[in-house]
Amino acid sequence: MKSTLKPLQSSTYHNLRCTTGFWSACDDNQLRSVKSSYGDGSVVEGSLALERFWFEVGTDGTIKLPTIAFGCVHKENSVDSENLVHPSLVGLRPGSLSLVSHIGFFINHKFAY
């Protein structure tokens, strides 16, 4: 499945090089990489990048977040083809690395979907 994210069309997207101080591993292109395994044996791999996200909030306007690091998945393997991650899917689980945790301050720690 191919990602719908088009980094070259974003003026705020930046891959993180291995010279940056982040904790993730490096790939063959000297970019920071991410890999996550799940209980069912599924594995996703990608790059660690920086991006500035904007969210439309009903009639209240737009929230412009500061630049945050995120894992951009480029490759996935699933034991069940019906459970493959869909392009542009965002993980919303609780935890310090989740998108919801990153934007909590800007949305009064309230999020619904």
PDB file of N, CA and C in Angstrom:
ATOM      1  N   MET A   1       0.850  -1.168   0.000  1.00  0.00           N
ATOM      2  CA  MET A   1       0.000   0.000   0.000  1.00  0.00           C
ATOM      3  C   MET A   1       0.899   1.236   0.000  1.00  0.00           C
ATOM      4  N   LYS A   2       0.637   2.181  -0.811  1.00  0.00           N
ATOM      5  CA  LYS A   2       1.465   3.369  -0.950  1.00  0.00           C
ATOM      6  C   LYS A   2       0.903   4.514  -0.116  1.00  0.00           C
ATOM      7  N   SER A   3       1.796   5.241   0.537  1.00  0.00           N
ATOM      8  CA  SER A   3       1.399   6.366   1.372  1.00  0.00           C
ATOM      9  C   SER A   3       0.835   7.498   0.520  1.00  0.00           C
ATOM     10  N   THR A   4      -0.155   8.210   1.065  1.00  0.00           N
ATOM     11  CA  THR A   4      -0.699   9.368   0.360  1.00  0.00           C
ATOM     12  C   THR A   4       0.015  10.649   0.771  1.00  0.00           C
ATOM     13  N   LEU A   5       0.897  10.567   1.762  1.00  0.00           N
ATOM     14  CA  LEU A   5       1.673  11.735   2.171  1.00  0.00           C
ATOM     15  C   LEU A   5       2.644  12.094   1.056  1.00  0.00           C
ATOM     16  N   LYS A   6       2.688  13.349   0.705  1.00  0.00           N
ATOM     17  CA  LYS A   6       3.577  13.817  -0.344  1.00  0.00           C
ATOM     18  C   LYS A   6       4.532  14.854   0.260  1.00  0.00           C
ATOM     19  N   PRO A   7       5.635  14.380   0.861  1.00  0.00           N
ATOM     20  CA  PRO A   7       6.547  15.281   1.559  1.00  0.00           C
ATOM     21  C   PRO A   7       7.082  16.426   0.703  1.00  0.00           C
ATOM     22  N   LEU A   8       7.302  16.180  -0.575  1.00  0.00           N
ATOM     23  CA  LEU A   8       7.852  17.236  -1.432  1.00  0.00           C
ATOM     24  C   LEU A   8       6.871  18.380  -1.649  1.00  0.00           C
ATOM     25  N   GLN A   9       5.583  18.144  -1.381  1.00  0.00           N
ATOM     26  CA  GLN A   9       4.585  19.197  -1.531  1.00  0.00           C
ATOM     27  C   GLN A   9       4.398  20.004  -0.250  1.00  0.00           C
ATOM     28  N   SER A  10       5.112  19.638   0.795  1.00  0.00           N
ATOM     29  CA  SER A  10       4.999  20.339   2.070  1.00  0.00           C
ATOM     30  C   SER A  10       6.210  21.237   2.276  1.00  0.00           C
ATOM     31  N   SER A  11       5.957  22.479   2.630  1.00  0.00           N
ATOM     32  CA  SER A  11       7.065  23.401   2.896  1.00  0.00           C
ATOM     33  C   SER A  11       7.611  23.233   4.309  1.00  0.00           C
ATOM     34  N   THR A  12       6.943  22.422   5.144  1.00  0.00           N
ATOM     35  CA  THR A  12       7.381  22.267   6.531  1.00  0.00           C
ATOM     36  C   THR A  12       7.855  20.853   6.870  1.00  0.00           C
ATOM     37  N   TYR A  13       7.840  19.921   5.919  1.00  0.00           N
ATOM     38  CA  TYR A  13       8.280  18.542   6.153  1.00  0.00           C
ATOM     39  C   TYR A  13       9.791  18.449   6.020  1.00  0.00           C
ATOM     40  N   HIS A  14      10.420  17.758   6.973  1.00  0.00           N
ATOM     41  CA  HIS A  14      11.871  17.539   6.914  1.00  0.00           C
ATOM     42  C   HIS A  14      12.195  16.158   7.463  1.00  0.00           C
ATOM     43  N   ASN A  15      12.909  15.338   6.681  1.00  0.00           N
ATOM     44  CA  ASN A  15      13.431  14.084   7.214  1.00  0.00           C
ATOM     45  C   ASN A  15      14.509  14.413   8.231  1.00  0.00           C
ATOM     46  N   LEU A  16      14.612  13.596   9.261  1.00  0.00           N
ATOM     47  CA  LEU A  16      15.650  13.805  10.265  1.00  0.00           C
ATOM     48  C   LEU A  16      16.884  12.999   9.897  1.00  0.00           C
ATOM     49  N   ARG A  17      18.008  13.665   9.789  1.00  0.00           N
ATOM     50  CA  ARG A  17      19.274  13.012   9.462  1.00  0.00           C
ATOM     51  C   ARG A  17      19.869  12.390  10.725  1.00  0.00           C
ATOM     52  N   CYS A  18      20.775  11.488  10.543  1.00  0.00           N
ATOM     53  CA  CYS A  18      21.398  10.797  11.675  1.00  0.00           C
ATOM     54  C   CYS A  18      22.272  11.718  12.517  1.00  0.00           C
ATOM     55  N   THR A  19      22.553  12.899  12.035  1.00  0.00           N
ATOM     56  CA  THR A  19      23.336  13.858  12.817  1.00  0.00           C
ATOM     57  C   THR A  19      22.487  14.548  13.881  1.00  0.00           C
ATOM     58  N   THR A  20      21.169  14.368  13.826  1.00  0.00           N
ATOM     59  CA  THR A  20      20.301  14.958  14.846  1.00  0.00           C
ATOM     60  C   THR A  20      20.329  14.099  16.096  1.00  0.00           C
ATOM     61  N   GLY A  21      19.937  14.668  17.217  1.00  0.00           N
ATOM     62  CA  GLY A  21      20.047  13.981  18.492  1.00  0.00           C
ATOM     63  C   GLY A  21      18.896  13.077  18.866  1.00  0.00           C
ATOM     64  N   PHE A  22      18.081  12.663  17.926  1.00  0.00           N
ATOM     65  CA  PHE A  22      16.962  11.791  18.260  1.00  0.00           C
ATOM     66  C   PHE A  22      17.450  10.375  18.532  1.00  0.00           C
ATOM     67  N   TRP A  23      16.628   9.596  19.219  1.00  0.00           N
ATOM     68  CA  TRP A  23      16.996   8.275  19.716  1.00  0.00           C
ATOM     69  C   TRP A  23      16.807   7.145  18.721  1.00  0.00           C
ATOM     70  N   SER A  24      16.209   7.364  17.588  1.00  0.00           N
ATOM     71  CA  SER A  24      15.894   6.253  16.684  1.00  0.00           C
ATOM     72  C   SER A  24      17.124   5.810  15.889  1.00  0.00           C
ATOM     73  N   ALA A  25      17.001   4.652  15.262  1.00  0.00           N
ATOM     74  CA  ALA A  25      18.075   4.080  14.448  1.00  0.00           C
ATOM     75  C   ALA A  25      18.235   4.863  13.146  1.00  0.00           C
ATOM     76  N   CYS A  26      19.272   4.501  12.384  1.00  0.00           N
ATOM     77  CA  CYS A  26      19.514   5.152  11.092  1.00  0.00           C
ATOM     78  C   CYS A  26      19.362   4.133   9.968  1.00  0.00           C
ATOM     79  N   ASP A  27      18.899   4.608   8.807  1.00  0.00           N
ATOM     80  CA  ASP A  27      18.776   3.723   7.653  1.00  0.00           C
ATOM     81  C   ASP A  27      20.002   3.864   6.749  1.00  0.00           C
ATOM     82  N   ASP A  28      19.988   3.198   5.601  1.00  0.00           N
ATOM     83  CA  ASP A  28      21.125   3.224   4.679  1.00  0.00           C
ATOM     84  C   ASP A  28      21.378   4.603   4.081  1.00  0.00           C
ATOM     85  N   ASN A  29      20.377   5.480   4.096  1.00  0.00           N
ATOM     86  CA  ASN A  29      20.515   6.837   3.555  1.00  0.00           C
ATOM     87  C   ASN A  29      20.896   7.851   4.622  1.00  0.00           C
ATOM     88  N   GLN A  30      21.276   7.360   5.810  1.00  0.00           N
ATOM     89  CA  GLN A  30      21.650   8.205   6.941  1.00  0.00           C
ATOM     90  C   GLN A  30      20.505   9.095   7.415  1.00  0.00           C
ATOM     91  N   LEU A  31      19.290   8.542   7.324  1.00  0.00           N
ATOM     92  CA  LEU A  31      18.106   9.207   7.858  1.00  0.00           C
ATOM     93  C   LEU A  31      17.633   8.424   9.070  1.00  0.00           C
ATOM     94  N   ARG A  32      17.027   9.126  10.019  1.00  0.00           N
ATOM     95  CA  ARG A  32      16.475   8.472  11.201  1.00  0.00           C
ATOM     96  C   ARG A  32      15.318   7.583  10.768  1.00  0.00           C
ATOM     97  N   SER A  33      15.244   6.380  11.318  1.00  0.00           N
ATOM     98  CA  SER A  33      14.192   5.445  10.922  1.00  0.00           C
ATOM     99  C   SER A  33      13.407   4.984  12.143  1.00  0.00           C
ATOM    100  N   VAL A  34      12.203   4.478  11.879  1.00  0.00           N
ATOM    101  CA  VAL A  34      11.347   3.941  12.934  1.00  0.00           C
ATOM    102  C   VAL A  34      10.853   2.570  12.498  1.00  0.00           C
ATOM    103  N   LYS A  35      10.657   1.701  13.475  1.00  0.00           N
ATOM    104  CA  LYS A  35      10.124   0.368  13.218  1.00  0.00           C
ATOM    105  C   LYS A  35       9.305  -0.013  14.433  1.00  0.00           C
ATOM    106  N   SER A  36       8.095  -0.480  14.202  1.00  0.00           N
ATOM    107  CA  SER A  36       7.219  -0.848  15.306  1.00  0.00           C
ATOM    108  C   SER A  36       6.585  -2.200  15.018  1.00  0.00           C
ATOM    109  N   SER A  37       6.587  -3.066  16.026  1.00  0.00           N
ATOM    110  CA  SER A  37       5.978  -4.391  15.912  1.00  0.00           C
ATOM    111  C   SER A  37       4.733  -4.447  16.777  1.00  0.00           C
ATOM    112  N   TYR A  38       3.765  -5.223  16.345  1.00  0.00           N
ATOM    113  CA  TYR A  38       2.502  -5.354  17.064  1.00  0.00           C
ATOM    114  C   TYR A  38       2.285  -6.800  17.494  1.00  0.00           C
ATOM    115  N   GLY A  39       1.385  -7.010  18.414  1.00  0.00           N
ATOM    116  CA  GLY A  39       1.126  -8.316  18.994  1.00  0.00           C
ATOM    117  C   GLY A  39       0.738  -9.390  17.999  1.00  0.00           C
ATOM    118  N   ASP A  40       0.130  -9.011  16.886  1.00  0.00           N
ATOM    119  CA  ASP A  40      -0.285 -10.016  15.898  1.00  0.00           C
ATOM    120  C   ASP A  40       0.829 -10.369  14.914  1.00  0.00           C
ATOM    121  N   GLY A  41       2.022  -9.801  15.112  1.00  0.00           N
ATOM    122  CA  GLY A  41       3.143 -10.069  14.226  1.00  0.00           C
ATOM    123  C   GLY A  41       3.320  -9.041  13.130  1.00  0.00           C
ATOM    124  N   SER A  42       2.418  -8.081  13.019  1.00  0.00           N
ATOM    125  CA  SER A  42       2.530  -7.026  12.012  1.00  0.00           C
ATOM    126  C   SER A  42       3.706  -6.110  12.345  1.00  0.00           C
ATOM    127  N   VAL A  43       4.347  -5.595  11.310  1.00  0.00           N
ATOM    128  CA  VAL A  43       5.487  -4.694  11.476  1.00  0.00           C
ATOM    129  C   VAL A  43       5.323  -3.524  10.515  1.00  0.00           C
ATOM    130  N   VAL A  44       5.585  -2.311  11.000  1.00  0.00           N
ATOM    131  CA  VAL A  44       5.609  -1.131  10.135  1.00  0.00           C
ATOM    132  C   VAL A  44       6.993  -0.497  10.240  1.00  0.00           C
ATOM    133  N   GLU A  45       7.466   0.053   9.116  1.00  0.00           N
ATOM    134  CA  GLU A  45       8.767   0.708   9.077  1.00  0.00           C
ATOM    135  C   GLU A  45       8.636   2.021   8.321  1.00  0.00           C
ATOM    136  N   GLY A  46       9.459   2.982   8.688  1.00  0.00           N
ATOM    137  CA  GLY A  46       9.422   4.256   7.996  1.00  0.00           C
ATOM    138  C   GLY A  46      10.530   5.174   8.458  1.00  0.00           C
ATOM    139  N   SER A  47      10.335   6.447   8.237  1.00  0.00           N
ATOM    140  CA  SER A  47      11.340   7.434   8.608  1.00  0.00           C
ATOM    141  C   SER A  47      10.802   8.348   9.697  1.00  0.00           C
ATOM    142  N   LEU A  48      11.718   8.869  10.478  1.00  0.00           N
ATOM    143  CA  LEU A  48      11.364   9.854  11.484  1.00  0.00           C
ATOM    144  C   LEU A  48      11.519  11.216  10.823  1.00  0.00           C
ATOM    145  N   ALA A  49      10.489  12.017  10.901  1.00  0.00           N
ATOM    146  CA  ALA A  49      10.490  13.302  10.206  1.00  0.00           C
ATOM    147  C   ALA A  49       9.928  14.388  11.111  1.00  0.00           C
ATOM    148  N   LEU A  50      10.098  15.613  10.680  1.00  0.00           N
ATOM    149  CA  LEU A  50       9.495  16.764  11.341  1.00  0.00           C
ATOM    150  C   LEU A  50       8.448  17.342  10.414  1.00  0.00           C
ATOM    151  N   GLU A  51       7.347  17.781  10.981  1.00  0.00           N
ATOM    152  CA  GLU A  51       6.289  18.403  10.181  1.00  0.00           C
ATOM    153  C   GLU A  51       5.511  19.353  11.065  1.00  0.00           C
ATOM    154  N   ARG A  52       4.932  20.341  10.458  1.00  0.00           N
ATOM    155  CA  ARG A  52       4.042  21.267  11.155  1.00  0.00           C
ATOM    156  C   ARG A  52       2.625  20.949  10.707  1.00  0.00           C
ATOM    157  N   PHE A  53       1.795  20.514  11.659  1.00  0.00           N
ATOM    158  CA  PHE A  53       0.426  20.123  11.349  1.00  0.00           C
ATOM    159  C   PHE A  53      -0.544  21.257  11.636  1.00  0.00           C
ATOM    160  N   TRP A  54      -1.552  21.362  10.791  1.00  0.00           N
ATOM    161  CA  TRP A  54      -2.638  22.325  10.980  1.00  0.00           C
ATOM    162  C   TRP A  54      -3.933  21.536  11.004  1.00  0.00           C
ATOM    163  N   PHE A  55      -4.830  21.900  11.929  1.00  0.00           N
ATOM    164  CA  PHE A  55      -6.121  21.231  12.030  1.00  0.00           C
ATOM    165  C   PHE A  55      -7.227  22.262  11.998  1.00  0.00           C
ATOM    166  N   GLU A  56      -8.244  22.005  11.201  1.00  0.00           N
ATOM    167  CA  GLU A  56      -9.429  22.856  11.216  1.00  0.00           C
ATOM    168  C   GLU A  56     -10.300  22.413  12.373  1.00  0.00           C
ATOM    169  N   VAL A  57     -10.787  23.377  13.146  1.00  0.00           N
ATOM    170  CA  VAL A  57     -11.559  23.083  14.351  1.00  0.00           C
ATOM    171  C   VAL A  57     -12.943  23.691  14.205  1.00  0.00           C
ATOM    172  N   GLY A  58     -13.834  22.949  13.547  1.00  0.00           N
ATOM    173  CA  GLY A  58     -15.206  23.422  13.366  1.00  0.00           C
ATOM    174  C   GLY A  58     -15.249  24.853  12.876  1.00  0.00           C
ATOM    175  N   THR A  59     -16.044  25.668  13.553  1.00  0.00           N
ATOM    176  CA  THR A  59     -16.170  27.077  13.179  1.00  0.00           C
ATOM    177  C   THR A  59     -15.162  27.950  13.914  1.00  0.00           C
ATOM    178  N   ASP A  60     -14.335  27.334  14.765  1.00  0.00           N
ATOM    179  CA  ASP A  60     -13.354  28.089  15.554  1.00  0.00           C
ATOM    180  C   ASP A  60     -12.108  28.468  14.780  1.00  0.00           C
ATOM    181  N   GLY A  61     -11.944  27.968  13.587  1.00  0.00           N
ATOM    182  CA  GLY A  61     -10.770  28.310  12.799  1.00  0.00           C
ATOM    183  C   GLY A  61      -9.785  27.166  12.702  1.00  0.00           C
ATOM    184  N   THR A  62      -8.514  27.505  12.672  1.00  0.00           N
ATOM    185  CA  THR A  62      -7.454  26.533  12.461  1.00  0.00           C
ATOM    186  C   THR A  62      -6.465  26.564  13.609  1.00  0.00           C
ATOM    187  N   ILE A  63      -6.069  25.385  14.072  1.00  0.00           N
ATOM    188  CA  ILE A  63      -4.997  25.273  15.054  1.00  0.00           C
ATOM    189  C   ILE A  63      -3.720  24.984  14.282  1.00  0.00           C
ATOM    190  N   LYS A  64      -2.702  25.814  14.460  1.00  0.00           N
ATOM    191  CA  LYS A  64      -1.405  25.606  13.829  1.00  0.00           C
ATOM    192  C   LYS A  64      -0.448  25.145  14.918  1.00  0.00           C
ATOM    193  N   LEU A  65      -0.053  23.897  14.842  1.00  0.00           N
ATOM    194  CA  LEU A  65       0.829  23.333  15.854  1.00  0.00           C
ATOM    195  C   LEU A  65       2.277  23.677  15.564  1.00  0.00           C
ATOM    196  N   PRO A  66       3.108  23.681  16.598  1.00  0.00           N
ATOM    197  CA  PRO A  66       4.543  23.823  16.338  1.00  0.00           C
ATOM    198  C   PRO A  66       5.039  22.557  15.645  1.00  0.00           C
ATOM    199  N   THR A  67       6.206  22.603  15.088  1.00  0.00           N
ATOM    200  CA  THR A  67       6.778  21.448  14.412  1.00  0.00           C
ATOM    201  C   THR A  67       6.962  20.302  15.403  1.00  0.00           C
ATOM    202  N   ILE A  68       6.494  19.101  15.017  1.00  0.00           N
ATOM    203  CA  ILE A  68       6.657  17.926  15.873  1.00  0.00           C
ATOM    204  C   ILE A  68       7.294  16.791  15.079  1.00  0.00           C
ATOM    205  N   ALA A  69       7.958  15.890  15.790  1.00  0.00           N
ATOM    206  CA  ALA A  69       8.527  14.697  15.173  1.00  0.00           C
ATOM    207  C   ALA A  69       7.435  13.642  15.066  1.00  0.00           C
ATOM    208  N   PHE A  70       7.440  12.902  13.970  1.00  0.00           N
ATOM    209  CA  PHE A  70       6.473  11.823  13.798  1.00  0.00           C
ATOM    210  C   PHE A  70       7.085  10.731  12.929  1.00  0.00           C
ATOM    211  N   GLY A  71       6.554   9.528  13.060  1.00  0.00           N
ATOM    212  CA  GLY A  71       6.993   8.421  12.226  1.00  0.00           C
ATOM    213  C   GLY A  71       6.144   8.355  10.976  1.00  0.00           C
ATOM    214  N   CYS A  72       6.778   8.410   9.835  1.00  0.00           N
ATOM    215  CA  CYS A  72       6.088   8.360   8.546  1.00  0.00           C
ATOM    216  C   CYS A  72       6.306   6.967   7.954  1.00  0.00           C
ATOM    217  N   VAL A  73       5.270   6.124   7.983  1.00  0.00           N
ATOM    218  CA  VAL A  73       5.390   4.724   7.567  1.00  0.00           C
ATOM    219  C   VAL A  73       5.471   4.614   6.045  1.00  0.00           C
ATOM    220  N   HIS A  74       6.481   3.866   5.579  1.00  0.00           N
ATOM    221  CA  HIS A  74       6.667   3.627   4.149  1.00  0.00           C
ATOM    222  C   HIS A  74       6.497   2.158   3.783  1.00  0.00           C
ATOM    223  N   LYS A  75       6.605   1.273   4.777  1.00  0.00           N
ATOM    224  CA  LYS A  75       6.567  -0.165   4.502  1.00  0.00           C
ATOM    225  C   LYS A  75       5.838  -0.857   5.645  1.00  0.00           C
ATOM    226  N   GLU A  76       4.983  -1.807   5.296  1.00  0.00           N
ATOM    227  CA  GLU A  76       4.283  -2.557   6.336  1.00  0.00           C
ATOM    228  C   GLU A  76       4.117  -4.005   5.922  1.00  0.00           C
ATOM    229  N   ASN A  77       4.151  -4.853   6.915  1.00  0.00           N
ATOM    230  CA  ASN A  77       3.922  -6.281   6.717  1.00  0.00           C
ATOM    231  C   ASN A  77       2.900  -6.708   7.751  1.00  0.00           C
ATOM    232  N   SER A  78       1.832  -7.318   7.311  1.00  0.00           N
ATOM    233  CA  SER A  78       0.788  -7.755   8.224  1.00  0.00           C
ATOM    234  C   SER A  78       0.529  -9.235   8.019  1.00  0.00           C
ATOM    235  N   VAL A  79       0.271  -9.926   9.121  1.00  0.00           N
ATOM    236  CA  VAL A  79      -0.081 -11.344   9.011  1.00  0.00           C
ATOM    237  C   VAL A  79      -1.489 -11.507   8.465  1.00  0.00           C
ATOM    238  N   ASP A  80      -2.266 -10.446   8.499  1.00  0.00           N
ATOM    239  CA  ASP A  80      -3.652 -10.462   8.028  1.00  0.00           C
ATOM    240  C   ASP A  80      -3.829  -9.294   7.063  1.00  0.00           C
ATOM    241  N   SER A  81      -4.008  -9.570   5.773  1.00  0.00           N
ATOM    242  CA  SER A  81      -4.083  -8.497   4.777  1.00  0.00           C
ATOM    243  C   SER A  81      -5.232  -7.533   5.027  1.00  0.00           C
ATOM    244  N   GLU A  82      -6.254  -7.939   5.770  1.00  0.00           N
ATOM    245  CA  GLU A  82      -7.366  -7.032   6.071  1.00  0.00           C
ATOM    246  C   GLU A  82      -6.980  -5.990   7.109  1.00  0.00           C
ATOM    247  N   ASN A  83      -5.885  -6.210   7.826  1.00  0.00           N
ATOM    248  CA  ASN A  83      -5.468  -5.287   8.877  1.00  0.00           C
ATOM    249  C   ASN A  83      -4.324  -4.385   8.456  1.00  0.00           C
ATOM    250  N   LEU A  84      -4.020  -4.329   7.168  1.00  0.00           N
ATOM    251  CA  LEU A  84      -2.969  -3.427   6.724  1.00  0.00           C
ATOM    252  C   LEU A  84      -3.348  -1.989   7.047  1.00  0.00           C
ATOM    253  N   VAL A  85      -2.359  -1.221   7.446  1.00  0.00           N
ATOM    254  CA  VAL A  85      -2.596   0.182   7.773  1.00  0.00           C
ATOM    255  C   VAL A  85      -2.965   0.923   6.499  1.00  0.00           C
ATOM    256  N   HIS A  86      -3.985   1.725   6.560  1.00  0.00           N
ATOM    257  CA  HIS A  86      -4.404   2.492   5.393  1.00  0.00           C
ATOM    258  C   HIS A  86      -3.600   3.783   5.300  1.00  0.00           C
ATOM    259  N   PRO A  87      -3.310   4.265   4.088  1.00  0.00           N
ATOM    260  CA  PRO A  87      -2.570   5.510   3.935  1.00  0.00           C
ATOM    261  C   PRO A  87      -3.230   6.640   4.714  1.00  0.00           C
ATOM    262  N   SER A  88      -2.414   7.440   5.343  1.00  0.00           N
ATOM    263  CA  SER A  88      -2.848   8.620   6.102  1.00  0.00           C
ATOM    264  C   SER A  88      -3.511   8.272   7.425  1.00  0.00           C
ATOM    265  N   LEU A  89      -3.441   7.030   7.854  1.00  0.00           N
ATOM    266  CA  LEU A  89      -3.994   6.637   9.138  1.00  0.00           C
ATOM    267  C   LEU A  89      -3.128   7.200  10.259  1.00  0.00           C
ATOM    268  N   VAL A  90      -3.755   7.752  11.278  1.00  0.00           N
ATOM    269  CA  VAL A  90      -3.043   8.334  12.412  1.00  0.00           C
ATOM    270  C   VAL A  90      -3.340   7.509  13.650  1.00  0.00           C
ATOM    271  N   GLY A  91      -2.295   7.106  14.361  1.00  0.00           N
ATOM    272  CA  GLY A  91      -2.476   6.375  15.609  1.00  0.00           C
ATOM    273  C   GLY A  91      -2.934   7.312  16.715  1.00  0.00           C
ATOM    274  N   LEU A  92      -3.996   6.939  17.400  1.00  0.00           N
ATOM    275  CA  LEU A  92      -4.561   7.813  18.432  1.00  0.00           C
ATOM    276  C   LEU A  92      -4.527   7.176  19.815  1.00  0.00           C
ATOM    277  N   ARG A  93      -3.734   6.159  20.000  1.00  0.00           N
ATOM    278  CA  ARG A  93      -3.691   5.500  21.303  1.00  0.00           C
ATOM    279  C   ARG A  93      -3.125   6.442  22.361  1.00  0.00           C
ATOM    280  N   PRO A  94      -3.425   6.194  23.625  1.00  0.00           N
ATOM    281  CA  PRO A  94      -2.860   7.039  24.677  1.00  0.00           C
ATOM    282  C   PRO A  94      -1.367   6.749  24.831  1.00  0.00           C
ATOM    283  N   GLY A  95      -0.646   7.701  25.297  1.00  0.00           N
ATOM    284  CA  GLY A  95       0.787   7.513  25.512  1.00  0.00           C
ATOM    285  C   GLY A  95       1.547   8.758  25.121  1.00  0.00           C
ATOM    286  N   SER A  96       2.744   8.889  25.639  1.00  0.00           N
ATOM    287  CA  SER A  96       3.523  10.114  25.444  1.00  0.00           C
ATOM    288  C   SER A  96       3.937  10.350  23.999  1.00  0.00           C
ATOM    289  N   LEU A  97       3.966   9.327  23.159  1.00  0.00           N
ATOM    290  CA  LEU A  97       4.372   9.502  21.763  1.00  0.00           C
ATOM    291  C   LEU A  97       3.208   9.736  20.816  1.00  0.00           C
ATOM    292  N   SER A  98       1.977   9.682  21.301  1.00  0.00           N
ATOM    293  CA  SER A  98       0.823   9.801  20.411  1.00  0.00           C
ATOM    294  C   SER A  98       0.608  11.237  19.941  1.00  0.00           C
ATOM    295  N   LEU A  99      -0.049  11.362  18.806  1.00  0.00           N
ATOM    296  CA  LEU A  99      -0.381  12.685  18.277  1.00  0.00           C
ATOM    297  C   LEU A  99      -1.250  13.454  19.257  1.00  0.00           C
ATOM    298  N   VAL A 100      -2.192  12.763  19.885  1.00  0.00           N
ATOM    299  CA  VAL A 100      -3.088  13.421  20.842  1.00  0.00           C
ATOM    300  C   VAL A 100      -2.291  14.009  22.002  1.00  0.00           C
ATOM    301  N   SER A 101      -1.274  13.300  22.471  1.00  0.00           N
ATOM    302  CA  SER A 101      -0.433  13.830  23.548  1.00  0.00           C
ATOM    303  C   SER A 101       0.330  15.069  23.091  1.00  0.00           C
ATOM    304  N   HIS A 102       0.814  15.042  21.863  1.00  0.00           N
ATOM    305  CA  HIS A 102       1.565  16.187  21.339  1.00  0.00           C
ATOM    306  C   HIS A 102       0.700  17.436  21.202  1.00  0.00           C
ATOM    307  N   ILE A 103      -0.559  17.269  20.835  1.00  0.00           N
ATOM    308  CA  ILE A 103      -1.409  18.440  20.597  1.00  0.00           C
ATOM    309  C   ILE A 103      -2.293  18.780  21.785  1.00  0.00           C
ATOM    310  N   GLY A 104      -2.232  17.994  22.862  1.00  0.00           N
ATOM    311  CA  GLY A 104      -3.110  18.180  24.024  1.00  0.00           C
ATOM    312  C   GLY A 104      -3.150  19.596  24.558  1.00  0.00           C
ATOM    313  N   PHE A 105      -2.009  20.228  24.692  1.00  0.00           N
ATOM    314  CA  PHE A 105      -1.941  21.593  25.212  1.00  0.00           C
ATOM    315  C   PHE A 105      -2.768  22.557  24.358  1.00  0.00           C
ATOM    316  N   PHE A 106      -2.770  22.347  23.063  1.00  0.00           N
ATOM    317  CA  PHE A 106      -3.439  23.260  22.138  1.00  0.00           C
ATOM    318  C   PHE A 106      -4.941  23.020  22.034  1.00  0.00           C
ATOM    319  N   ILE A 107      -5.398  21.877  22.525  1.00  0.00           N
ATOM    320  CA  ILE A 107      -6.828  21.546  22.433  1.00  0.00           C
ATOM    321  C   ILE A 107      -7.433  21.309  23.817  1.00  0.00           C
ATOM    322  N   ASN A 108      -6.817  21.908  24.829  1.00  0.00           N
ATOM    323  CA  ASN A 108      -7.280  21.766  26.217  1.00  0.00           C
ATOM    324  C   ASN A 108      -7.409  20.303  26.630  1.00  0.00           C
ATOM    325  N   HIS A 109      -6.538  19.462  26.106  1.00  0.00           N
ATOM    326  CA  HIS A 109      -6.493  18.032  26.436  1.00  0.00           C
ATOM    327  C   HIS A 109      -7.826  17.329  26.201  1.00  0.00           C
ATOM    328  N   LYS A 110      -8.594  17.816  25.216  1.00  0.00           N
ATOM    329  CA  LYS A 110      -9.867  17.193  24.845  1.00  0.00           C
ATOM    330  C   LYS A 110      -9.794  16.811  23.378  1.00  0.00           C
ATOM    331  N   PHE A 111     -10.132  15.570  23.082  1.00  0.00           N
ATOM    332  CA  PHE A 111     -10.061  15.093  21.709  1.00  0.00           C
ATOM    333  C   PHE A 111     -11.159  14.066  21.484  1.00  0.00           C
ATOM    334  N   ALA A 112     -11.861  14.174  20.389  1.00  0.00           N
ATOM    335  CA  ALA A 112     -12.906  13.210  20.041  1.00  0.00           C
ATOM    336  C   ALA A 112     -12.808  12.920  18.549  1.00  0.00           C
ATOM    337  N   TYR A 113     -13.179  11.723  18.170  1.00  0.00           N
ATOM    338  CA  TYR A 113     -13.191  11.356  16.753  1.00  0.00           C
ATOM    339  C   TYR A 113     -14.331  10.428  16.465  1.00  0.00           C
TER     340      TYR A 113
END
